[in-house]
C-alpha atoms as a PDB file:
ATOM      1  CA  MET A   1     -73.353 -55.508   3.455  1.00  0.00           C
ATOM      2  CA  SER A   2     -75.757 -52.734   2.575  1.00  0.00           C
ATOM      3  CA  PRO A   3     -74.771 -50.085   0.098  1.00  0.00           C
ATOM      4  CA  GLU A   4     -75.170 -47.407   2.778  1.00  0.00           C
ATOM      5  CA  ARG A   5     -72.424 -49.000   4.873  1.00  0.00           C
ATOM      6  CA  MET A   6     -70.032 -49.572   2.032  1.00  0.00           C
ATOM      7  CA  ARG A   7     -66.939 -47.267   1.903  1.00  0.00           C
ATOM      8  CA  ALA A   8     -65.679 -45.975  -1.361  1.00  0.00           C
ATOM      9  CA  PRO A   9     -61.954 -46.492  -1.920  1.00  0.00           C
ATOM     10  CA  TRP A  10     -59.680 -43.452  -1.387  1.00  0.00           C
ATOM     11  CA  GLN A  11     -59.555 -41.533  -4.670  1.00  0.00           C
ATOM     12  CA  GLY A  12     -57.284 -38.662  -3.672  1.00  0.00           C
ATOM     13  CA  PRO A  13     -53.710 -38.292  -4.796  1.00  0.00           C
ATOM     14  CA  ALA A  14     -52.466 -39.850  -1.558  1.00  0.00           C
ATOM     15  CA  ALA A  15     -53.795 -41.456   1.571  1.00  0.00           C
ATOM     16  CA  PRO A  16     -54.099 -39.224   4.649  1.00  0.00           C
ATOM     17  CA  GLY A  17     -50.957 -40.679   6.180  1.00  0.00           C
ATOM     18  CA  GLY A  18     -49.190 -40.330   2.840  1.00  0.00           C
ATOM     19  CA  ALA A  19     -50.022 -36.610   2.794  1.00  0.00           C
ATOM     20  CA  GLY A  20     -48.188 -36.225   6.087  1.00  0.00           C
ATOM     21  CA  ARG A  21     -45.154 -37.951   4.627  1.00  0.00           C
ATOM     22  CA  VAL A  22     -45.272 -35.691   1.590  1.00  0.00           C
ATOM     23  CA  ARG A  23     -45.411 -32.641   3.878  1.00  0.00           C
ATOM     24  CA  ARG A  24     -42.358 -33.887   5.761  1.00  0.00           C
ATOM     25  CA  LEU A  25     -40.499 -34.456   2.512  1.00  0.00           C
ATOM     26  CA  ALA A  26     -41.535 -30.986   1.327  1.00  0.00           C
ATOM     27  CA  ALA A  27     -40.080 -29.535   4.535  1.00  0.00           C
ATOM     28  CA  ILE A  28     -36.852 -31.455   3.889  1.00  0.00           C
ATOM     29  CA  ALA A  29     -36.810 -30.085   0.341  1.00  0.00           C
ATOM     30  CA  THR A  30     -37.267 -26.543   1.648  1.00  0.00           C
ATOM     31  CA  ALA A  31     -34.397 -27.025   4.106  1.00  0.00           C
ATOM     32  CA  VAL A  32     -32.176 -28.370   1.316  1.00  0.00           C
ATOM     33  CA  THR A  33     -33.112 -25.437  -0.918  1.00  0.00           C
ATOM     34  CA  VAL A  34     -32.358 -22.898   1.832  1.00  0.00           C
ATOM     35  CA  ALA A  35     -29.082 -24.623   2.680  1.00  0.00           C
ATOM     36  CA  VAL A  36     -27.785 -24.671  -0.898  1.00  0.00           C
ATOM     37  CA  ALA A  37     -29.324 -21.484  -2.307  1.00  0.00           C
ATOM     38  CA  THR A  38     -27.458 -18.831  -0.340  1.00  0.00           C
ATOM     39  CA  PRO A  39     -24.692 -17.698  -2.710  1.00  0.00           C
ATOM     40  CA  ALA A  40     -24.522 -14.153  -1.271  1.00  0.00           C
ATOM     41  CA  VAL A  41     -23.672 -15.406   2.203  1.00  0.00           C
ATOM     42  CA  ALA A  42     -21.222 -17.960   0.832  1.00  0.00           C
ATOM     43  CA  VAL A  43     -19.383 -15.417  -1.250  1.00  0.00           C
ATOM     44  CA  ALA A  44     -19.277 -12.951   1.634  1.00  0.00           C
ATOM     45  CA  ALA A  45     -17.684 -15.647   3.786  1.00  0.00           C
ATOM     46  CA  GLY A  46     -15.299 -16.697   1.034  1.00  0.00           C
ATOM     47  CA  MET A  47     -17.056 -20.055   0.549  1.00  0.00           C
ATOM     48  CA  THR A  48     -18.450 -21.927  -2.415  1.00  0.00           C
ATOM     49  CA  SER A  49     -21.889 -20.763  -3.521  1.00  0.00           C
ATOM     50  CA  ARG A  50     -24.513 -23.350  -4.502  1.00  0.00           C
ATOM     51  CA  THR A  51     -27.948 -23.257  -6.080  1.00  0.00           C
ATOM     52  CA  GLY A  52     -30.204 -26.257  -6.305  1.00  0.00           C
ATOM     53  CA  ALA A  53     -33.646 -27.685  -6.862  1.00  0.00           C
ATOM     54  CA  THR A  54     -35.296 -30.775  -5.387  1.00  0.00           C
ATOM     55  CA  THR A  55     -37.745 -33.004  -7.280  1.00  0.00           C
ATOM     56  CA  TYR A  56     -39.471 -36.195  -6.234  1.00  0.00           C
ATOM     57  CA  THR A  57     -39.939 -39.265  -8.360  1.00  0.00           C
ATOM     58  CA  ALA A  58     -42.445 -41.939  -7.313  1.00  0.00           C
ATOM     59  CA  GLY A  59     -42.482 -45.557  -8.467  1.00  0.00           C
ATOM     60  CA  PRO A  60     -45.064 -46.899 -10.908  1.00  0.00           C
ATOM     61  CA  HIS A  61     -47.404 -48.000  -8.099  1.00  0.00           C
ATOM     62  CA  PRO A  62     -47.464 -45.437  -5.251  1.00  0.00           C
ATOM     63  CA  CYS A  63     -48.314 -46.912  -1.899  1.00  0.00           C
ATOM     64  CA  ASP A  64     -49.908 -45.618   1.270  1.00  0.00           C
ATOM     65  CA  GLU A  65     -48.281 -45.472   4.693  1.00  0.00           C
ATOM     66  CA  HIS A  66     -49.106 -49.168   5.270  1.00  0.00           C
ATOM     67  CA  GLY A  67     -47.280 -50.283   2.187  1.00  0.00           C
ATOM     68  CA  LYS A  68     -50.500 -51.018   0.268  1.00  0.00           C
ATOM     69  CA  PRO A  69     -51.356 -49.861  -3.283  1.00  0.00           C
ATOM     70  CA  ARG A  70     -53.401 -46.645  -3.315  1.00  0.00           C
ATOM     71  CA  HIS A  71     -55.660 -47.920  -6.120  1.00  0.00           C
ATOM     72  CA  ARG A  72     -57.427 -51.245  -6.543  1.00  0.00           C
ATOM     73  CA  GLY A  73     -55.930 -53.351  -9.190  1.00  0.00           C
ATOM     74  CA  GLY A  74     -52.738 -51.340  -9.005  1.00  0.00           C
ATOM     75  CA  GLY A  75     -50.594 -54.433  -8.784  1.00  0.00           C
ATOM     76  CA  ASP A  76     -47.791 -55.011  -6.367  1.00  0.00           C
ATOM     77  CA  CYS A  77     -46.485 -52.140  -4.296  1.00  0.00           C
ATOM     78  CA  GLU A  78     -42.966 -51.756  -5.701  1.00  0.00           C
ATOM     79  CA  THR A  79     -42.237 -48.310  -4.287  1.00  0.00           C
ATOM     80  CA  LYS A  80     -43.278 -47.586  -0.741  1.00  0.00           C
ATOM     81  CA  HIS A  81     -42.106 -43.981  -0.558  1.00  0.00           C
ATOM     82  CA  PRO A  82     -41.482 -41.203  -3.045  1.00  0.00           C
ATOM     83  CA  THR A  83     -37.808 -40.987  -3.983  1.00  0.00           C
ATOM     84  CA  PRO A  84     -36.346 -37.462  -3.711  1.00  0.00           C
ATOM     85  CA  THR A  85     -33.973 -36.401  -6.459  1.00  0.00           C
ATOM     86  CA  VAL A  86     -31.783 -33.387  -5.624  1.00  0.00           C
ATOM     87  CA  THR A  87     -29.983 -31.446  -8.356  1.00  0.00           C
ATOM     88  CA  VAL A  88     -27.260 -29.149  -7.090  1.00  0.00           C
ATOM     89  CA  THR A  89     -25.279 -26.639  -9.136  1.00  0.00           C
ATOM     90  CA  GLU A  90     -22.039 -25.493  -7.529  1.00  0.00           C
ATOM     91  CA  THR A  91     -20.298 -22.253  -8.449  1.00  0.00           C
ATOM     92  CA  VAL A  92     -16.841 -21.409  -7.126  1.00  0.00           C
ATOM     93  CA  THR A  93     -15.911 -17.744  -7.002  1.00  0.00           C
ATOM     94  CA  GLN A  94     -12.295 -16.724  -6.441  1.00  0.00           C
ATOM     95  CA  THR A  95     -11.311 -13.247  -5.345  1.00  0.00           C
ATOM     96  CA  ALA A  96      -7.795 -12.015  -6.091  1.00  0.00           C
ATOM     97  CA  THR A  97      -6.220  -9.514  -3.722  1.00  0.00           C
ATOM     98  CA  ALA A  98      -3.410  -7.337  -5.042  1.00  0.00           C
ATOM     99  CA  THR A  99      -1.074  -5.411  -2.760  1.00  0.00           C
ATOM    100  CA  ALA A 100       0.760  -2.451  -4.216  1.00  0.00           C
ATOM    101  CA  THR A 101       3.940  -1.298  -2.569  1.00  0.00           C
ATOM    102  CA  VAL A 102       4.979   2.269  -3.221  1.00  0.00           C
ATOM    103  CA  THR A 103       8.523   3.336  -2.432  1.00  0.00           C
ATOM    104  CA  ALA A 104       9.160   7.052  -2.186  1.00  0.00           C
ATOM    105  CA  THR A 105      12.613   8.242  -3.164  1.00  0.00           C
ATOM    106  CA  ALA A 106      13.704  11.489  -1.576  1.00  0.00           C
ATOM    107  CA  THR A 107      15.287  14.078  -3.839  1.00  0.00           C
ATOM    108  CA  ALA A 108      16.212  16.352  -0.952  1.00  0.00           C
ATOM    109  CA  CYS A 109      16.511  15.985   2.794  1.00  0.00           C
ATOM    110  CA  GLY A 110      15.284  19.436   3.695  1.00  0.00           C
ATOM    111  CA  THR A 111      16.677  22.825   4.701  1.00  0.00           C
ATOM    112  CA  GLY A 112      19.229  24.116   7.165  1.00  0.00           C
ATOM    113  CA  VAL A 113      21.681  26.900   7.947  1.00  0.00           C
ATOM    114  CA  ASP A 114      25.086  27.242   9.600  1.00  0.00           C
ATOM    115  CA  SER A 115      27.559  30.093  10.144  1.00  0.00           C
ATOM    116  CA  THR A 116      30.931  30.951  11.616  1.00  0.00           C
ATOM    117  CA  GLN A 117      32.599  34.259  12.532  1.00  0.00           C
ATOM    118  CA  PRO A 118      36.390  34.002  12.386  1.00  0.00           C
ATOM    119  CA  ASN A 119      36.943  37.727  13.095  1.00  0.00           C
ATOM    120  CA  GLY A 120      35.052  40.908  13.804  1.00  0.00           C
ATOM    121  CA  MET A 121      34.818  41.953  10.159  1.00  0.00           C
ATOM    122  CA  GLU A 122      32.978  39.107   8.457  1.00  0.00           C
ATOM    123  CA  GLN A 123      30.768  36.084   8.907  1.00  0.00           C
ATOM    124  CA  PHE A 124      30.587  33.029   6.639  1.00  0.00           C
ATOM    125  CA  LEU A 125      27.292  31.249   6.113  1.00  0.00           C
ATOM    126  CA  ALA A 126      26.088  27.928   4.725  1.00  0.00           C
ATOM    127  CA  ALA A 127      22.505  27.255   3.743  1.00  0.00           C
ATOM    128  CA  LEU A 128      20.753  24.119   2.510  1.00  0.00           C
ATOM    129  CA  VAL A 129      17.638  24.698   0.422  1.00  0.00           C
ATOM    130  CA  ASN A 130      15.739  21.630  -0.825  1.00  0.00           C
ATOM    131  CA  GLY A 131      18.932  19.585  -0.775  1.00  0.00           C
ATOM    132  CA  THR A 132      21.125  22.180  -2.518  1.00  0.00           C
ATOM    133  CA  PRO A 133      23.959  23.764  -0.468  1.00  0.00           C
ATOM    134  CA  PHE A 134      24.862  27.455  -0.810  1.00  0.00           C
ATOM    135  CA  ALA A 135      27.780  29.565   0.482  1.00  0.00           C
ATOM    136  CA  GLY A 136      27.602  33.214   1.501  1.00  0.00           C
ATOM    137  CA  ARG A 137      29.464  35.963   3.366  1.00  0.00           C
ATOM    138  CA  ARG A 138      28.145  38.773   5.525  1.00  0.00           C
ATOM    139  CA  PRO A 139      30.701  41.639   5.687  1.00  0.00           C
ATOM    140  CA  ASN A 140      31.118  44.683   7.927  1.00  0.00           C
ATOM    141  CA  ILE A 141      29.557  43.011  10.948  1.00  0.00           C
ATOM    142  CA  ASN A 142      31.841  44.917  13.316  1.00  0.00           C
ATOM    143  CA  ALA A 143      30.721  48.334  12.112  1.00  0.00           C
ATOM    144  CA  THR A 144      27.202  47.225  11.189  1.00  0.00           C
ATOM    145  CA  PRO A 145      26.179  44.182  13.288  1.00  0.00           C
ATOM    146  CA  ASP A 146      22.692  44.087  11.792  1.00  0.00           C
ATOM    147  CA  ASN A 147      23.937  44.137   8.193  1.00  0.00           C
ATOM    148  CA  PRO A 148      21.641  41.670   6.389  1.00  0.00           C
ATOM    149  CA  ASN A 149      23.419  41.698   3.035  1.00  0.00           C
ATOM    150  CA  ILE A 150      24.893  38.422   1.774  1.00  0.00           C
ATOM    151  CA  VAL A 151      27.693  38.538  -0.804  1.00  0.00           C
ATOM    152  CA  SER A 152      29.916  35.965  -2.477  1.00  0.00           C
ATOM    153  CA  GLY A 153      32.371  35.614  -5.304  1.00  0.00           C
ATOM    154  CA  PRO A 154      35.623  37.427  -6.086  1.00  0.00           C
ATOM    155  CA  ALA A 155      33.900  40.818  -6.417  1.00  0.00           C
ATOM    156  CA  ASN A 156      31.573  40.272  -3.441  1.00  0.00           C
ATOM    157  CA  THR A 157      28.563  40.181  -5.747  1.00  0.00           C
ATOM    158  CA  PRO A 158      25.204  40.058  -3.918  1.00  0.00           C
ATOM    159  CA  GLY A 159      23.743  36.631  -3.307  1.00  0.00           C
ATOM    160  CA  TRP A 160      24.871  33.094  -2.643  1.00  0.00           C
ATOM    161  CA  THR A 161      27.207  30.664  -4.436  1.00  0.00           C
ATOM    162  CA  ASP A 162      25.550  27.384  -5.493  1.00  0.00           C
ATOM    163  CA  LEU A 163      27.955  24.713  -4.240  1.00  0.00           C
ATOM    164  CA  SER A 164      26.236  21.894  -6.157  1.00  0.00           C
ATOM    165  CA  THR A 165      27.800  23.134  -9.407  1.00  0.00           C
ATOM    166  CA  ILE A 166      31.370  22.548  -8.229  1.00  0.00           C
ATOM    167  CA  THR A 167      33.330  19.530  -9.469  1.00  0.00           C
ATOM    168  CA  GLY A 168      33.122  16.407  -7.283  1.00  0.00           C
ATOM    169  CA  TYR A 169      29.681  17.194  -5.882  1.00  0.00           C
ATOM    170  CA  PRO A 170      27.935  13.877  -5.049  1.00  0.00           C
ATOM    171  CA  THR A 171      25.003  12.953  -7.254  1.00  0.00           C
ATOM    172  CA  ASP A 172      24.304   9.375  -6.145  1.00  0.00           C
ATOM    173  CA  SER A 173      22.515  10.402  -2.933  1.00  0.00           C
ATOM    174  CA  PRO A 174      20.671  13.560  -1.798  1.00  0.00           C
ATOM    175  CA  VAL A 175      22.526  16.016   0.426  1.00  0.00           C
ATOM    176  CA  CYS A 176      20.950  16.290   3.876  1.00  0.00           C
ATOM    177  CA  ASP A 177      23.097  18.830   5.747  1.00  0.00           C
ATOM    178  CA  VAL A 178      25.800  21.482   5.260  1.00  0.00           C
ATOM    179  CA  SER A 179      28.176  23.274   7.635  1.00  0.00           C
ATOM    180  CA  VAL A 180      31.009  25.812   7.445  1.00  0.00           C
ATOM    181  CA  ASP A 181      34.067  26.800   9.471  1.00  0.00           C
ATOM    182  CA  ALA A 182      36.752  29.368   8.697  1.00  0.00           C
ATOM    183  CA  ASN A 183      40.241  30.182   9.890  1.00  0.00           C
ATOM    184  CA  GLY A 184      42.505  32.847   8.539  1.00  0.00           C
ATOM    185  CA  SER A 185      42.214  32.913   4.773  1.00  0.00           C
ATOM    186  CA  ASP A 186      40.455  29.566   4.452  1.00  0.00           C
ATOM    187  CA  ALA A 187      36.835  28.500   4.727  1.00  0.00           C
ATOM    188  CA  PHE A 188      35.755  24.865   4.630  1.00  0.00           C
ATOM    189  CA  TYR A 189      32.284  23.639   3.733  1.00  0.00           C
ATOM    190  CA  LYS A 190      31.131  20.159   4.614  1.00  0.00           C
ATOM    191  CA  ILE A 191      28.098  18.208   3.437  1.00  0.00           C
ATOM    192  CA  ILE A 192      26.647  14.811   4.295  1.00  0.00           C
ATOM    193  CA  THR A 193      24.452  12.752   1.992  1.00  0.00           C
ATOM    194  CA  GLN A 194      21.416  10.719   2.810  1.00  0.00           C
ATOM    195  CA  GLY A 195      23.564   7.645   2.355  1.00  0.00           C
ATOM    196  CA  GLY A 196      25.973   8.868   5.085  1.00  0.00           C
ATOM    197  CA  SER A 197      28.900  10.034   2.927  1.00  0.00           C
ATOM    198  CA  VAL A 198      30.772  13.175   4.018  1.00  0.00           C
ATOM    199  CA  TYR A 199      32.449  15.586   1.562  1.00  0.00           C
ATOM    200  CA  THR A 200      34.538  18.711   2.113  1.00  0.00           C
ATOM    201  CA  LEU A 201      35.265  21.778  -0.051  1.00  0.00           C
ATOM    202  CA  HIS A 202      37.964  24.414   0.407  1.00  0.00           C
ATOM    203  CA  CYS A 203      37.013  28.035  -0.321  1.00  0.00           C
ATOM    204  CA  ALA A 204      39.256  31.127  -0.297  1.00  0.00           C
ATOM    205  CA  ALA A 205      38.452  33.631   2.449  1.00  0.00           C
ATOM    206  CA  ASN A 206      41.090  36.377   2.488  1.00  0.00           C
ATOM    207  CA  GLY A 207      39.165  38.848   4.620  1.00  0.00           C
ATOM    208  CA  THR A 208      37.720  40.749   1.675  1.00  0.00           C
ATOM    209  CA  ALA A 209      35.868  38.085  -0.326  1.00  0.00           C
ATOM    210  CA  LEU A 210      34.635  34.495  -0.355  1.00  0.00           C
ATOM    211  CA  VAL A 211      35.554  32.462  -3.421  1.00  0.00           C
ATOM    212  CA  CYS A 212      34.267  28.871  -3.850  1.00  0.00           C
ATOM    213  CA  PRO A 213      36.080  26.814  -4.887  1.00  0.00           C
ATOM    214  CA  ALA A 214      39.471  28.102  -3.882  1.00  0.00           C
ATOM    215  CA  PRO A 215      41.409  29.001  -7.050  1.00  0.00           C
ATOM    216  CA  ALA A 216      44.603  27.216  -8.074  1.00  0.00           C
ATOM    217  CA  GLN A 217      47.795  28.522  -6.497  1.00  0.00           C
ATOM    218  CA  GLY A 218      51.149  27.423  -7.852  1.00  0.00           C
ATOM    219  CA  ASN A 219      51.230  23.635  -7.828  1.00  0.00           C
ATOM    220  CA  VAL A 220      47.976  23.461  -5.884  1.00  0.00           C
ATOM    221  CA  PRO A 221      45.084  22.870  -8.277  1.00  0.00           C
ATOM    222  CA  GLN A 222      41.677  24.444  -7.942  1.00  0.00           C
ATOM    223  CA  SER A 223      39.793  22.869  -5.070  1.00  0.00           C
ATOM    224  CA  ARG A 224      36.875  20.463  -5.540  1.00  0.00           C
ATOM    225  CA  TRP A 225      34.482  18.433  -3.436  1.00  0.00           C
ATOM    226  CA  THR A 226      36.440  15.559  -1.884  1.00  0.00           C
ATOM    227  CA  ALA A 227      35.130  12.612   0.120  1.00  0.00           C
ATOM    228  CA  VAL A 228      36.743  12.445   3.548  1.00  0.00           C
ATOM    229  CA  SER A 229      38.633   9.306   4.512  1.00  0.00           C
ATOM    230  CA  PRO A 230      37.707   7.253   6.300  1.00  0.00           C
ATOM    231  CA  GLN A 231      33.964   7.762   6.052  1.00  0.00           C
ATOM    232  CA  PRO A 232      31.898   7.671   9.275  1.00  0.00           C
END
């Protein structure tokens, strides 16, 4: 055979068909890298994040696509295809979720007002301000119906009597409402707590003054807040 017609052996790193196989393996490596190297998406979805790299290790005598040695004198073809080696690093991220429960405790149920007029000369009032009950009296309503003055106490001093300072006043639950009724020389104030307990207090109302609590008389001791029985 003439030298002009002789073909030189393939001297490249791989035969043409082998290059195609390498490209396919490179595509596989890219797919593996994309599949395992997306920690942001994994964490966002609550999954395990992975990062990895792919390397390829060929045998001592690389072969072409026909299973033949690429180089003359290369010996037997022990490895027909490059062997991919994938190294994957796995990172597990845990997210703790804490739930805080806040319980608000009321110190007062609000405000309110009540009144009663047992005769044409006076009116008795009850007021609840931020959970504190007060007692008052409005005199001379027959002669002066628009009289705005509130008095209380033995000497009809201006202002209201704070009923929360009287013995027996409940302290285990906020007071939510107050009312008053009067008959003759007696006025009775009632309160109800947030827990549903009802208490009553006797005040002296002799037509000229309002005194809370009613003072002791003979064998009757000074009045105090008393829980009604039975409770509602």
